[in-house]
Amino acid sequence: MTSDAERWAQAQELLDGIPSDAAQRRLRRAQRLNLLGLAVVLAVVLGSMFALDVWSGSDAQSDSDDTPLWRSITGLVVLLAGAVVAFRAALRQIRRNPWRDAWRTPLLVLRLSQRRHLTREVVGRAPADPAHVPLARHLATMFVRQSLEPRLALGLLLVVVGQLVMSASWGWATVVVLLAAGWPVLTRRNRRAQAYLDAHPAQRTA
């Protein structure tokens, strides 16, 4: 069984571009597990969206005759405006291509507890370990690069609000609350990650 120290060393090898065979094998195995986990999460999300649609649809169908025309038109305009804003922002997000970094990151060879500890170091909830600075900088850079485009978050919020205006339901209201509550959390994390990068500049080699 690989010890924590060995995993830290393998992650550093991958980050330095001189990985051992064991580190490469561990990274490929972690990538396969991540792919499987992504498929499971996608299935759960799609299933939840279908259930939400059925639940909201049943409520909306009973109230469809009572929905004022002005509310339907307003909701549609807000939804379409959000879709345009989100689409343009998504194109910029894709051009930054942060997901490839997440797929190839050396941090995949670490245990979950090690990655959590590294995250606490980056966001200032644990003392910075000098031995972890290169890997922590890598994680902080990923956080900053993966930060959601503000206009993308705004567009998605407008899309959901437009849907909520057209067919009010507890399900869509919950989505609005989750989006509104999640944005400050991500913003604060990314701001702390940038602060970590500023406090621990990259070492220049002669």
N, C-alpha and C. Protein backbone atom coordinates (compact mmCIF):
# COMPACT_ATOMS: atom_id res chain seq x y z
N MET A 1 0.85 -1.20 0.00
CA MET A 1 0.00 0.00 0.00
C MET A 1 0.88 1.25 0.00
N THR A 2 0.60 2.19 -0.90
CA THR A 2 1.42 3.38 -1.04
C THR A 2 1.17 4.33 0.13
N SER A 3 2.24 4.82 0.73
CA SER A 3 2.12 5.75 1.85
C SER A 3 1.83 7.15 1.33
N ASP A 4 1.42 8.03 2.27
CA ASP A 4 1.14 9.41 1.89
C ASP A 4 2.40 10.08 1.34
N ALA A 5 3.55 9.80 1.98
CA ALA A 5 4.80 10.42 1.52
C ALA A 5 5.12 10.01 0.08
N GLU A 6 4.86 8.77 -0.26
CA GLU A 6 5.12 8.31 -1.63
C GLU A 6 4.18 8.99 -2.62
N ARG A 7 2.95 9.21 -2.22
CA ARG A 7 2.00 9.89 -3.10
C ARG A 7 2.39 11.35 -3.31
N TRP A 8 2.83 12.02 -2.24
CA TRP A 8 3.31 13.39 -2.39
C TRP A 8 4.48 13.42 -3.38
N ALA A 9 5.39 12.46 -3.24
CA ALA A 9 6.57 12.42 -4.12
C ALA A 9 6.16 12.15 -5.57
N GLN A 10 5.19 11.26 -5.78
CA GLN A 10 4.74 10.96 -7.14
C GLN A 10 4.06 12.17 -7.77
N ALA A 11 3.26 12.89 -6.98
CA ALA A 11 2.61 14.10 -7.50
C ALA A 11 3.66 15.14 -7.90
N GLN A 12 4.70 15.27 -7.09
CA GLN A 12 5.75 16.23 -7.42
C GLN A 12 6.50 15.80 -8.69
N GLU A 13 6.70 14.49 -8.85
CA GLU A 13 7.37 13.98 -10.05
C GLU A 13 6.56 14.34 -11.30
N LEU A 14 5.25 14.15 -11.22
CA LEU A 14 4.39 14.47 -12.35
C LEU A 14 4.40 15.97 -12.64
N LEU A 15 4.40 16.76 -11.58
CA LEU A 15 4.42 18.21 -11.76
C LEU A 15 5.73 18.67 -12.40
N ASP A 16 6.83 18.01 -12.03
CA ASP A 16 8.15 18.37 -12.58
C ASP A 16 8.38 17.82 -13.98
N GLY A 17 7.47 16.94 -14.44
CA GLY A 17 7.62 16.37 -15.78
C GLY A 17 8.59 15.22 -15.86
N ILE A 18 8.94 14.63 -14.72
CA ILE A 18 9.85 13.48 -14.71
C ILE A 18 9.22 12.36 -13.88
N PRO A 19 8.04 11.89 -14.29
CA PRO A 19 7.33 10.89 -13.48
C PRO A 19 7.94 9.51 -13.62
N SER A 20 7.85 8.76 -12.54
CA SER A 20 8.24 7.36 -12.58
C SER A 20 7.14 6.54 -13.22
N ASP A 21 7.42 5.28 -13.53
CA ASP A 21 6.39 4.41 -14.12
C ASP A 21 5.23 4.23 -13.15
N ALA A 22 5.55 4.11 -11.85
CA ALA A 22 4.50 3.94 -10.84
C ALA A 22 3.58 5.16 -10.79
N ALA A 23 4.16 6.34 -10.90
CA ALA A 23 3.35 7.56 -10.87
C ALA A 23 2.44 7.65 -12.09
N GLN A 24 2.96 7.28 -13.25
CA GLN A 24 2.15 7.32 -14.47
C GLN A 24 1.01 6.32 -14.40
N ARG A 25 1.30 5.13 -13.88
CA ARG A 25 0.24 4.12 -13.74
C ARG A 25 -0.84 4.60 -12.79
N ARG A 26 -0.42 5.21 -11.69
CA ARG A 26 -1.39 5.69 -10.71
C ARG A 26 -2.24 6.82 -11.30
N LEU A 27 -1.63 7.69 -12.10
CA LEU A 27 -2.38 8.78 -12.72
C LEU A 27 -3.40 8.24 -13.71
N ARG A 28 -3.01 7.26 -14.52
CA ARG A 28 -3.95 6.69 -15.49
C ARG A 28 -5.11 6.00 -14.77
N ARG A 29 -4.82 5.32 -13.68
CA ARG A 29 -5.88 4.66 -12.92
C ARG A 29 -6.84 5.69 -12.32
N ALA A 30 -6.29 6.78 -11.82
CA ALA A 30 -7.14 7.84 -11.25
C ALA A 30 -7.99 8.49 -12.33
N GLN A 31 -7.44 8.64 -13.53
CA GLN A 31 -8.21 9.23 -14.63
C GLN A 31 -9.39 8.34 -15.02
N ARG A 32 -9.16 7.03 -15.02
CA ARG A 32 -10.26 6.11 -15.34
C ARG A 32 -11.35 6.18 -14.28
N LEU A 33 -10.96 6.25 -13.02
CA LEU A 33 -11.94 6.35 -11.94
C LEU A 33 -12.71 7.67 -12.03
N ASN A 34 -12.02 8.74 -12.39
CA ASN A 34 -12.69 10.03 -12.55
C ASN A 34 -13.71 10.00 -13.68
N LEU A 35 -13.34 9.31 -14.76
CA LEU A 35 -14.26 9.20 -15.90
C LEU A 35 -15.51 8.44 -15.50
N LEU A 36 -15.34 7.37 -14.72
CA LEU A 36 -16.48 6.61 -14.24
C LEU A 36 -17.34 7.46 -13.31
N GLY A 37 -16.68 8.19 -12.41
CA GLY A 37 -17.42 9.05 -11.50
C GLY A 37 -18.18 10.14 -12.22
N LEU A 38 -17.58 10.69 -13.29
CA LEU A 38 -18.26 11.71 -14.08
C LEU A 38 -19.51 11.16 -14.74
N ALA A 39 -19.42 9.91 -15.24
CA ALA A 39 -20.58 9.29 -15.86
C ALA A 39 -21.71 9.10 -14.84
N VAL A 40 -21.35 8.71 -13.62
CA VAL A 40 -22.36 8.52 -12.58
C VAL A 40 -23.02 9.85 -12.22
N VAL A 41 -22.18 10.89 -12.04
CA VAL A 41 -22.71 12.21 -11.69
C VAL A 41 -23.62 12.72 -12.80
N LEU A 42 -23.22 12.54 -14.05
CA LEU A 42 -24.03 12.99 -15.18
C LEU A 42 -25.38 12.28 -15.19
N ALA A 43 -25.37 10.98 -14.90
CA ALA A 43 -26.62 10.23 -14.86
C ALA A 43 -27.53 10.74 -13.75
N VAL A 44 -26.94 11.04 -12.59
CA VAL A 44 -27.73 11.55 -11.46
C VAL A 44 -28.31 12.92 -11.79
N VAL A 45 -27.48 13.80 -12.41
CA VAL A 45 -27.95 15.15 -12.75
C VAL A 45 -29.09 15.08 -13.76
N LEU A 46 -28.91 14.25 -14.80
CA LEU A 46 -29.97 14.14 -15.81
C LEU A 46 -31.24 13.57 -15.19
N GLY A 47 -31.09 12.57 -14.32
CA GLY A 47 -32.26 12.02 -13.65
C GLY A 47 -32.95 13.05 -12.77
N SER A 48 -32.16 13.87 -12.07
CA SER A 48 -32.74 14.91 -11.22
C SER A 48 -33.45 15.96 -12.05
N MET A 49 -32.83 16.34 -13.20
CA MET A 49 -33.47 17.33 -14.07
C MET A 49 -34.79 16.79 -14.63
N PHE A 50 -34.82 15.51 -14.98
CA PHE A 50 -36.06 14.91 -15.49
C PHE A 50 -37.13 14.91 -14.41
N ALA A 51 -36.73 14.53 -13.18
CA ALA A 51 -37.70 14.53 -12.08
C ALA A 51 -38.21 15.93 -11.80
N LEU A 52 -37.28 16.92 -11.85
CA LEU A 52 -37.68 18.30 -11.62
C LEU A 52 -38.63 18.79 -12.70
N ASP A 53 -38.36 18.39 -13.93
CA ASP A 53 -39.21 18.80 -15.04
C ASP A 53 -40.60 18.21 -14.90
N VAL A 54 -40.67 16.93 -14.51
CA VAL A 54 -41.97 16.28 -14.31
C VAL A 54 -42.73 16.95 -13.18
N TRP A 55 -42.02 17.22 -12.08
CA TRP A 55 -42.66 17.85 -10.92
C TRP A 55 -43.14 19.25 -11.28
N SER A 56 -42.26 20.05 -11.91
CA SER A 56 -42.64 21.41 -12.28
C SER A 56 -43.74 21.41 -13.34
N GLY A 57 -43.64 20.45 -14.26
CA GLY A 57 -44.63 20.38 -15.33
C GLY A 57 -46.02 20.09 -14.80
N SER A 58 -46.10 19.24 -13.80
CA SER A 58 -47.41 18.93 -13.24
C SER A 58 -48.03 20.14 -12.56
N ASP A 59 -47.15 20.95 -11.90
CA ASP A 59 -47.68 22.16 -11.26
C ASP A 59 -48.06 23.20 -12.30
N ALA A 60 -47.19 23.33 -13.33
CA ALA A 60 -47.43 24.35 -14.35
C ALA A 60 -48.66 24.04 -15.18
N GLN A 61 -48.90 22.76 -15.44
CA GLN A 61 -50.03 22.37 -16.27
C GLN A 61 -51.35 22.74 -15.60
N SER A 62 -51.39 22.58 -14.28
CA SER A 62 -52.64 22.89 -13.58
C SER A 62 -52.90 24.40 -13.54
N ASP A 63 -51.79 25.20 -13.63
CA ASP A 63 -51.95 26.66 -13.53
C ASP A 63 -51.75 27.36 -14.87
N SER A 64 -51.61 26.57 -15.95
CA SER A 64 -51.27 27.17 -17.23
C SER A 64 -52.34 28.15 -17.71
N ASP A 65 -53.61 27.84 -17.45
CA ASP A 65 -54.69 28.70 -17.92
C ASP A 65 -54.74 30.00 -17.14
N ASP A 66 -54.16 30.00 -15.92
CA ASP A 66 -54.22 31.19 -15.07
C ASP A 66 -52.98 32.06 -15.23
N THR A 67 -51.99 31.64 -16.01
CA THR A 67 -50.76 32.41 -16.18
C THR A 67 -51.01 33.60 -17.10
N PRO A 68 -50.78 34.82 -16.60
CA PRO A 68 -51.00 36.00 -17.45
C PRO A 68 -50.06 35.99 -18.65
N LEU A 69 -50.55 36.57 -19.74
CA LEU A 69 -49.74 36.62 -20.96
C LEU A 69 -48.47 37.44 -20.74
N TRP A 70 -48.60 38.55 -19.99
CA TRP A 70 -47.44 39.41 -19.77
C TRP A 70 -46.33 38.66 -19.03
N ARG A 71 -46.72 37.73 -18.13
CA ARG A 71 -45.71 36.99 -17.39
C ARG A 71 -45.01 35.99 -18.28
N SER A 72 -45.76 35.37 -19.18
CA SER A 72 -45.15 34.42 -20.12
C SER A 72 -44.17 35.12 -21.04
N ILE A 73 -44.58 36.30 -21.55
CA ILE A 73 -43.70 37.04 -22.46
C ILE A 73 -42.46 37.54 -21.73
N THR A 74 -42.66 38.08 -20.54
CA THR A 74 -41.52 38.58 -19.76
C THR A 74 -40.54 37.46 -19.44
N GLY A 75 -41.07 36.32 -19.01
CA GLY A 75 -40.20 35.19 -18.69
C GLY A 75 -39.42 34.72 -19.90
N LEU A 76 -40.08 34.68 -21.05
CA LEU A 76 -39.42 34.24 -22.28
C LEU A 76 -38.30 35.21 -22.67
N VAL A 77 -38.56 36.52 -22.54
CA VAL A 77 -37.54 37.51 -22.88
C VAL A 77 -36.33 37.37 -21.96
N VAL A 78 -36.59 37.23 -20.66
CA VAL A 78 -35.49 37.07 -19.70
C VAL A 78 -34.71 35.79 -19.99
N LEU A 79 -35.42 34.71 -20.28
CA LEU A 79 -34.77 33.43 -20.58
C LEU A 79 -33.87 33.54 -21.81
N LEU A 80 -34.39 34.14 -22.88
CA LEU A 80 -33.61 34.26 -24.12
C LEU A 80 -32.41 35.18 -23.92
N ALA A 81 -32.59 36.25 -23.16
CA ALA A 81 -31.47 37.15 -22.89
C ALA A 81 -30.38 36.41 -22.10
N GLY A 82 -30.80 35.62 -21.12
CA GLY A 82 -29.83 34.84 -20.35
C GLY A 82 -29.12 33.82 -21.20
N ALA A 83 -29.84 33.19 -22.12
CA ALA A 83 -29.23 32.19 -23.00
C ALA A 83 -28.16 32.82 -23.88
N VAL A 84 -28.42 34.03 -24.39
CA VAL A 84 -27.44 34.71 -25.23
C VAL A 84 -26.20 35.07 -24.42
N VAL A 85 -26.41 35.62 -23.23
CA VAL A 85 -25.27 36.00 -22.38
C VAL A 85 -24.47 34.76 -21.98
N ALA A 86 -25.16 33.69 -21.60
CA ALA A 86 -24.47 32.46 -21.17
C ALA A 86 -23.71 31.82 -22.32
N PHE A 87 -24.29 31.86 -23.52
CA PHE A 87 -23.62 31.23 -24.67
C PHE A 87 -22.31 31.93 -25.00
N ARG A 88 -22.34 33.26 -25.05
CA ARG A 88 -21.13 34.01 -25.37
C ARG A 88 -20.07 33.83 -24.29
N ALA A 89 -20.50 33.81 -23.03
CA ALA A 89 -19.54 33.61 -21.94
C ALA A 89 -18.99 32.19 -21.94
N ALA A 90 -19.83 31.22 -22.31
CA ALA A 90 -19.37 29.82 -22.35
C ALA A 90 -18.29 29.64 -23.41
N LEU A 91 -18.40 30.35 -24.51
CA LEU A 91 -17.37 30.26 -25.55
C LEU A 91 -16.02 30.75 -25.01
N ARG A 92 -16.05 31.85 -24.26
CA ARG A 92 -14.80 32.34 -23.66
C ARG A 92 -14.26 31.35 -22.64
N GLN A 93 -15.18 30.73 -21.87
CA GLN A 93 -14.75 29.76 -20.87
C GLN A 93 -14.09 28.56 -21.54
N ILE A 94 -14.65 28.11 -22.65
CA ILE A 94 -14.11 26.95 -23.36
C ILE A 94 -12.74 27.26 -23.94
N ARG A 95 -12.56 28.48 -24.44
CA ARG A 95 -11.26 28.85 -25.02
C ARG A 95 -10.16 28.80 -23.98
N ARG A 96 -10.49 29.07 -22.72
CA ARG A 96 -9.48 28.99 -21.67
C ARG A 96 -9.08 27.55 -21.39
N ASN A 97 -9.95 26.60 -21.75
CA ASN A 97 -9.68 25.17 -21.66
C ASN A 97 -9.13 24.74 -20.30
N PRO A 98 -9.81 25.07 -19.18
CA PRO A 98 -9.29 24.66 -17.88
C PRO A 98 -9.52 23.19 -17.56
N TRP A 99 -10.44 22.55 -18.30
CA TRP A 99 -10.79 21.16 -17.95
C TRP A 99 -9.66 20.20 -18.31
N ARG A 100 -8.87 20.54 -19.33
CA ARG A 100 -7.76 19.68 -19.66
C ARG A 100 -6.74 19.64 -18.52
N ASP A 101 -6.55 20.78 -17.84
CA ASP A 101 -5.65 20.83 -16.70
C ASP A 101 -6.16 19.92 -15.58
N ALA A 102 -7.48 19.94 -15.36
CA ALA A 102 -8.05 19.11 -14.30
C ALA A 102 -7.91 17.63 -14.63
N TRP A 103 -7.97 17.28 -15.92
CA TRP A 103 -7.87 15.89 -16.32
C TRP A 103 -6.44 15.37 -16.15
N ARG A 104 -5.45 16.22 -16.36
CA ARG A 104 -4.05 15.79 -16.32
C ARG A 104 -3.33 16.18 -15.03
N THR A 105 -4.02 16.78 -14.10
CA THR A 105 -3.35 17.30 -12.91
C THR A 105 -2.64 16.21 -12.11
N PRO A 106 -1.43 16.47 -11.63
CA PRO A 106 -0.71 15.51 -10.79
C PRO A 106 -1.42 15.23 -9.46
N LEU A 107 -2.32 16.11 -9.09
CA LEU A 107 -3.01 15.96 -7.81
C LEU A 107 -3.90 14.73 -7.78
N LEU A 108 -4.19 14.14 -8.93
CA LEU A 108 -5.04 12.96 -8.96
C LEU A 108 -4.40 11.77 -8.26
N VAL A 109 -3.09 11.75 -8.14
CA VAL A 109 -2.43 10.61 -7.48
C VAL A 109 -2.48 10.73 -5.97
N LEU A 110 -2.91 11.87 -5.46
CA LEU A 110 -3.02 12.06 -4.01
C LEU A 110 -4.32 11.46 -3.48
N ARG A 111 -4.31 11.13 -2.21
CA ARG A 111 -5.55 10.69 -1.57
C ARG A 111 -6.49 11.89 -1.44
N LEU A 112 -7.76 11.59 -1.25
CA LEU A 112 -8.75 12.65 -1.10
C LEU A 112 -8.41 13.52 0.11
N SER A 113 -7.97 12.89 1.20
CA SER A 113 -7.61 13.65 2.40
C SER A 113 -6.42 14.57 2.14
N GLN A 114 -5.49 14.13 1.32
CA GLN A 114 -4.34 14.97 0.98
C GLN A 114 -4.77 16.16 0.13
N ARG A 115 -5.67 15.93 -0.83
CA ARG A 115 -6.13 17.03 -1.67
C ARG A 115 -6.93 18.04 -0.85
N ARG A 116 -7.70 17.54 0.12
CA ARG A 116 -8.45 18.45 0.98
C ARG A 116 -7.51 19.29 1.83
N HIS A 117 -6.45 18.65 2.34
CA HIS A 117 -5.48 19.39 3.14
C HIS A 117 -4.78 20.45 2.30
N LEU A 118 -4.46 20.11 1.07
CA LEU A 118 -3.82 21.07 0.17
C LEU A 118 -4.76 22.24 -0.13
N THR A 119 -6.04 21.94 -0.29
CA THR A 119 -7.03 23.00 -0.51
C THR A 119 -7.10 23.92 0.69
N ARG A 120 -7.06 23.36 1.90
CA ARG A 120 -7.08 24.20 3.10
C ARG A 120 -5.86 25.10 3.16
N GLU A 121 -4.72 24.59 2.71
CA GLU A 121 -3.53 25.44 2.67
C GLU A 121 -3.72 26.60 1.69
N VAL A 122 -4.29 26.30 0.54
CA VAL A 122 -4.46 27.33 -0.49
C VAL A 122 -5.41 28.42 -0.04
N VAL A 123 -6.51 28.04 0.63
CA VAL A 123 -7.52 29.03 1.02
C VAL A 123 -7.24 29.62 2.40
N GLY A 124 -6.11 29.24 3.01
CA GLY A 124 -5.71 29.86 4.26
C GLY A 124 -6.31 29.25 5.51
N ARG A 125 -6.84 28.06 5.40
CA ARG A 125 -7.42 27.40 6.58
C ARG A 125 -6.44 26.47 7.26
N ALA A 126 -5.26 26.32 6.71
CA ALA A 126 -4.20 25.50 7.30
C ALA A 126 -2.88 26.18 6.99
N PRO A 127 -1.88 26.04 7.88
CA PRO A 127 -0.58 26.66 7.62
C PRO A 127 0.04 26.11 6.34
N ALA A 128 0.68 26.99 5.59
CA ALA A 128 1.31 26.58 4.34
C ALA A 128 2.57 25.78 4.63
N ASP A 129 2.62 24.57 4.12
CA ASP A 129 3.78 23.71 4.26
C ASP A 129 4.76 24.02 3.13
N PRO A 130 5.98 24.43 3.45
CA PRO A 130 6.94 24.76 2.37
C PRO A 130 7.15 23.62 1.38
N ALA A 131 7.04 22.37 1.87
CA ALA A 131 7.24 21.23 0.98
C ALA A 131 6.11 21.08 -0.02
N HIS A 132 4.96 21.68 0.28
CA HIS A 132 3.80 21.54 -0.59
C HIS A 132 3.59 22.74 -1.51
N VAL A 133 4.45 23.76 -1.41
CA VAL A 133 4.23 25.00 -2.16
C VAL A 133 4.08 24.77 -3.67
N PRO A 134 4.94 23.98 -4.33
CA PRO A 134 4.75 23.78 -5.77
C PRO A 134 3.40 23.18 -6.12
N LEU A 135 3.00 22.16 -5.38
CA LEU A 135 1.71 21.53 -5.64
C LEU A 135 0.56 22.46 -5.26
N ALA A 136 0.72 23.20 -4.18
CA ALA A 136 -0.32 24.14 -3.76
C ALA A 136 -0.47 25.26 -4.79
N ARG A 137 0.64 25.73 -5.34
CA ARG A 137 0.57 26.74 -6.39
C ARG A 137 -0.16 26.18 -7.62
N HIS A 138 0.12 24.93 -7.94
CA HIS A 138 -0.57 24.28 -9.06
C HIS A 138 -2.07 24.25 -8.81
N LEU A 139 -2.48 23.89 -7.60
CA LEU A 139 -3.90 23.83 -7.27
C LEU A 139 -4.52 25.23 -7.30
N ALA A 140 -3.82 26.21 -6.74
CA ALA A 140 -4.33 27.58 -6.74
C ALA A 140 -4.49 28.10 -8.16
N THR A 141 -3.55 27.78 -9.03
CA THR A 141 -3.65 28.19 -10.43
C THR A 141 -4.86 27.56 -11.10
N MET A 142 -5.12 26.30 -10.78
CA MET A 142 -6.30 25.62 -11.33
C MET A 142 -7.58 26.31 -10.86
N PHE A 143 -7.63 26.67 -9.57
CA PHE A 143 -8.81 27.36 -9.05
C PHE A 143 -9.06 28.66 -9.81
N VAL A 144 -7.98 29.43 -10.02
CA VAL A 144 -8.12 30.72 -10.69
C VAL A 144 -8.54 30.53 -12.15
N ARG A 145 -7.92 29.57 -12.84
CA ARG A 145 -8.24 29.35 -14.25
C ARG A 145 -9.64 28.77 -14.44
N GLN A 146 -10.10 27.99 -13.45
CA GLN A 146 -11.41 27.36 -13.57
C GLN A 146 -12.53 28.24 -13.04
N SER A 147 -12.18 29.44 -12.60
CA SER A 147 -13.21 30.33 -12.07
C SER A 147 -14.27 30.59 -13.13
N LEU A 148 -15.50 30.55 -12.70
CA LEU A 148 -16.62 30.71 -13.63
C LEU A 148 -16.70 32.14 -14.11
N GLU A 149 -16.86 32.29 -15.41
CA GLU A 149 -17.04 33.62 -15.99
C GLU A 149 -18.24 34.29 -15.32
N PRO A 150 -18.07 35.51 -14.80
CA PRO A 150 -19.22 36.19 -14.17
C PRO A 150 -20.43 36.29 -15.09
N ARG A 151 -20.18 36.55 -16.39
CA ARG A 151 -21.30 36.65 -17.31
C ARG A 151 -21.96 35.30 -17.55
N LEU A 152 -21.18 34.22 -17.44
CA LEU A 152 -21.78 32.90 -17.58
C LEU A 152 -22.71 32.61 -16.42
N ALA A 153 -22.26 32.93 -15.20
CA ALA A 153 -23.11 32.74 -14.03
C ALA A 153 -24.36 33.60 -14.12
N LEU A 154 -24.19 34.86 -14.59
CA LEU A 154 -25.34 35.74 -14.74
C LEU A 154 -26.31 35.19 -15.78
N GLY A 155 -25.76 34.70 -16.90
CA GLY A 155 -26.63 34.15 -17.95
C GLY A 155 -27.43 32.96 -17.47
N LEU A 156 -26.76 32.05 -16.76
CA LEU A 156 -27.46 30.88 -16.24
C LEU A 156 -28.55 31.28 -15.25
N LEU A 157 -28.22 32.28 -14.42
CA LEU A 157 -29.21 32.75 -13.45
C LEU A 157 -30.42 33.35 -14.16
N LEU A 158 -30.19 34.11 -15.22
CA LEU A 158 -31.29 34.71 -15.97
C LEU A 158 -32.15 33.64 -16.64
N VAL A 159 -31.50 32.60 -17.15
CA VAL A 159 -32.25 31.51 -17.78
C VAL A 159 -33.21 30.87 -16.78
N VAL A 160 -32.70 30.60 -15.59
CA VAL A 160 -33.54 29.96 -14.57
C VAL A 160 -34.62 30.91 -14.07
N VAL A 161 -34.26 32.19 -13.90
CA VAL A 161 -35.26 33.17 -13.46
C VAL A 161 -36.36 33.31 -14.51
N GLY A 162 -35.97 33.32 -15.80
CA GLY A 162 -36.98 33.39 -16.86
C GLY A 162 -37.92 32.21 -16.82
N GLN A 163 -37.36 31.01 -16.60
CA GLN A 163 -38.19 29.82 -16.49
C GLN A 163 -39.11 29.92 -15.28
N LEU A 164 -38.58 30.49 -14.19
CA LEU A 164 -39.37 30.63 -12.97
C LEU A 164 -40.52 31.61 -13.18
N VAL A 165 -40.27 32.69 -13.93
CA VAL A 165 -41.33 33.66 -14.20
C VAL A 165 -42.43 33.03 -15.04
N MET A 166 -42.04 32.24 -16.04
CA MET A 166 -43.04 31.62 -16.92
C MET A 166 -43.85 30.56 -16.20
N SER A 167 -43.20 29.76 -15.37
CA SER A 167 -43.91 28.69 -14.66
C SER A 167 -43.33 28.58 -13.26
N ALA A 168 -43.89 29.37 -12.36
CA ALA A 168 -43.41 29.40 -10.98
C ALA A 168 -43.59 28.04 -10.31
N SER A 169 -42.51 27.60 -9.67
CA SER A 169 -42.57 26.34 -8.93
C SER A 169 -41.47 26.33 -7.89
N TRP A 170 -41.63 25.50 -6.86
CA TRP A 170 -40.62 25.40 -5.82
C TRP A 170 -39.32 24.83 -6.38
N GLY A 171 -39.45 23.98 -7.40
CA GLY A 171 -38.25 23.38 -7.97
C GLY A 171 -37.33 24.41 -8.59
N TRP A 172 -37.87 25.29 -9.45
CA TRP A 172 -37.04 26.32 -10.08
C TRP A 172 -36.60 27.36 -9.08
N ALA A 173 -37.42 27.64 -8.08
CA ALA A 173 -37.01 28.58 -7.03
C ALA A 173 -35.80 28.04 -6.28
N THR A 174 -35.77 26.73 -6.06
CA THR A 174 -34.62 26.12 -5.39
C THR A 174 -33.36 26.26 -6.22
N VAL A 175 -33.50 26.09 -7.55
CA VAL A 175 -32.33 26.24 -8.43
C VAL A 175 -31.79 27.66 -8.36
N VAL A 176 -32.67 28.66 -8.34
CA VAL A 176 -32.24 30.06 -8.25
C VAL A 176 -31.48 30.29 -6.95
N VAL A 177 -31.99 29.76 -5.85
CA VAL A 177 -31.34 29.95 -4.56
C VAL A 177 -29.96 29.30 -4.56
N LEU A 178 -29.84 28.10 -5.12
CA LEU A 178 -28.56 27.40 -5.16
C LEU A 178 -27.53 28.15 -6.00
N LEU A 179 -27.97 28.66 -7.16
CA LEU A 179 -27.05 29.42 -8.01
C LEU A 179 -26.60 30.71 -7.31
N ALA A 180 -27.54 31.40 -6.69
CA ALA A 180 -27.21 32.66 -6.03
C ALA A 180 -26.31 32.43 -4.81
N ALA A 181 -26.52 31.31 -4.11
CA ALA A 181 -25.71 31.03 -2.92
C ALA A 181 -24.34 30.48 -3.28
N GLY A 182 -24.24 29.74 -4.39
CA GLY A 182 -22.96 29.13 -4.75
C GLY A 182 -21.96 30.10 -5.33
N TRP A 183 -22.44 31.16 -5.98
CA TRP A 183 -21.54 32.11 -6.62
C TRP A 183 -20.59 32.80 -5.62
N PRO A 184 -21.07 33.34 -4.48
CA PRO A 184 -20.14 33.96 -3.53
C PRO A 184 -19.12 32.99 -2.97
N VAL A 185 -19.51 31.74 -2.78
CA VAL A 185 -18.57 30.74 -2.24
C VAL A 185 -17.42 30.52 -3.21
N LEU A 186 -17.74 30.33 -4.50
CA LEU A 186 -16.70 30.13 -5.50
C LEU A 186 -15.83 31.37 -5.66
N THR A 187 -16.44 32.53 -5.62
CA THR A 187 -15.69 33.77 -5.76
C THR A 187 -14.70 33.95 -4.61
N ARG A 188 -15.14 33.65 -3.40
CA ARG A 188 -14.25 33.78 -2.24
C ARG A 188 -13.09 32.80 -2.32
N ARG A 189 -13.38 31.57 -2.77
CA ARG A 189 -12.31 30.57 -2.90
C ARG A 189 -11.28 31.00 -3.94
N ASN A 190 -11.73 31.49 -5.07
CA ASN A 190 -10.81 31.92 -6.11
C ASN A 190 -9.99 33.13 -5.69
N ARG A 191 -10.61 34.03 -4.93
CA ARG A 191 -9.89 35.20 -4.44
C ARG A 191 -8.78 34.78 -3.48
N ARG A 192 -9.06 33.81 -2.63
CA ARG A 192 -8.03 33.32 -1.70
C ARG A 192 -6.93 32.56 -2.45
N ALA A 193 -7.32 31.86 -3.52
CA ALA A 193 -6.31 31.15 -4.31
C ALA A 193 -5.36 32.14 -4.97
N GLN A 194 -5.90 33.25 -5.47
CA GLN A 194 -5.04 34.28 -6.06
C GLN A 194 -4.14 34.90 -5.00
N ALA A 195 -4.67 35.08 -3.79
CA ALA A 195 -3.85 35.62 -2.70
C ALA A 195 -2.70 34.67 -2.36
N TYR A 196 -2.96 33.36 -2.43
CA TYR A 196 -1.89 32.38 -2.18
C TYR A 196 -0.81 32.50 -3.24
N LEU A 197 -1.21 32.64 -4.50
CA LEU A 197 -0.23 32.79 -5.57
C LEU A 197 0.61 34.05 -5.39
N ASP A 198 -0.03 35.11 -4.96
CA ASP A 198 0.70 36.36 -4.73
C ASP A 198 1.68 36.23 -3.57
N ALA A 199 1.28 35.48 -2.55
CA ALA A 199 2.14 35.33 -1.37
C ALA A 199 3.25 34.30 -1.59
N HIS A 200 3.09 33.42 -2.57
CA HIS A 200 4.10 32.38 -2.85
C HIS A 200 4.44 32.42 -4.34
N PRO A 201 5.22 33.42 -4.75
CA PRO A 201 5.57 33.52 -6.18
C PRO A 201 6.40 32.32 -6.64
N ALA A 202 6.29 32.05 -7.92
CA ALA A 202 7.05 30.93 -8.49
C ALA A 202 8.55 31.20 -8.38
N GLN A 203 9.29 30.16 -8.05
CA GLN A 203 10.74 30.28 -7.95
C GLN A 203 11.35 30.24 -9.33
N ARG A 204 12.20 31.19 -9.61
CA ARG A 204 12.86 31.24 -10.91
C ARG A 204 14.18 30.49 -10.86
N THR A 205 14.35 29.65 -11.87
CA THR A 205 15.61 28.90 -11.95
C THR A 205 16.60 29.67 -12.79
N ALA A 206 17.84 29.64 -12.36
CA ALA A 206 18.90 30.37 -13.07
C ALA A 206 19.18 29.70 -14.42
